[in-house]
Amino acid sequence: MPGTDALEAARIVIGELPQLPHVPELPDRGVGADMIGRTAALLVDLAVELVPSGYRVTARAGRDHRRGVDLLRSDLDALEEAVGSAGARPEVVKLQAAGPWTLAAAVELRSGHKVLTDPGALREFAVSLAEGLRAHASEVSRRLGAGAIVQLDEPGLPAVLAGGVPTPSGFGTVAAVPENEVAELLHSVLEALPVPRIVHCCAPRPPLALLRRAGADVLAVDAELLAGAPRATVDALGEAWDSGVSVLLGLVPAVQPPAQSSVPASVSGAVSSSGQPAARAGGPPTRAQLARPALDLVDRLGFDRAVLAERCLPTPSCGMAGATPEWARRALTLARELGQAFVDPPGSWSS
């Protein structure tokens, strides 16, 4: 979420998503509030510090690590206050953190090399992360009187698989990690979490089949990226749906589309004679425009559109830290309304 006011962000989340609120992240607050610093704050018996090249393992928790812990604690305080003030009674609350591979590809050892390059350190981080997430989920449940589900964010996973993580010099890359090793380590973290376990990958060509094999009960992907993905990726999503897996499908733009400009074809559904996205009249995208990528996807896969009501939850396409506060609120509203439209008769998609 944009901004630095944890209580205001929590109030927006509770107001717009009363049935499935989440613990907001506010990376604009700086060190310890970003995805990696926030996740590192959950680690048990491991600590990090910020150096010019990024986060690095350190012998003991210093100012940077303690700040991340304090911010996370204050975020839970804010969410608890917002829930109480609103009189809300959510049955479940979602929390999210970087997955083990994204974390290992971002944090450095004291040598300057990534945690990813040391099998022993990699396992230690995975165990620590699993324990920290389990404790975090328990605290959220206790404080809010609701179930807790965990979403692991793995935007760095495709680079790990492809051998695209840079070395300290910047002139080389870390060797690609075999799929079976990736799945095994990810599974070791997922199996420690409450069900259903969500894995989100907003990078191009998300490895959906691997995520399912690792134990993900729910997949979270950006619909716009799927529009240009290889057939194998789309088929993997179809196989997930066919096996009963649910999908959090990013359909609402994370930042407000320009009022009088071209927007992605997957959002507008319109293409000019030159093959470029057609300009859309002013105003926010309609539900019909937002729903179009999902409808095209199920049609392409040969599913009945009822699968959208049964196993698809619309979401923003990715994090909204770069959005205006007004659009962040509107995007959550649109996601909720779009989900309801999937349940309602198809005519509700036309507005």
Foldseek 3Di string as FASTA:
>chain_A
DADDDLLVVLLLQCVLPLQEGEQDQYCVVDQLRDQLSLLQLLFDCWEWDADPLGIETDNDHDDRSVVNVVVSVVSLVSNLVSCVVVVGQHQEYEYEHAALVQNQLGYHYPVQWGLVQDVVSSLSRLVRSLVSVLVVQVVSCVSRVHHYEYEHEYQPVVCLQVQNRATSVRPHGHDRDDLVVVLQSRLSSQVSTDPQHEYEHAHAPPPLLSVVSSPHQEYEYELLSVVPHDPVSLVSVVVSLVVPRAYAYAQFALAFDDFWDFDDCQQQVAADPVRHGDTDHGDGGALLSSCRSVVVSCVVSVHDLLSCLVGYQYAHRDHNNVYDPVVVSVRSNSSVQSNVCSVDPVVSSVD
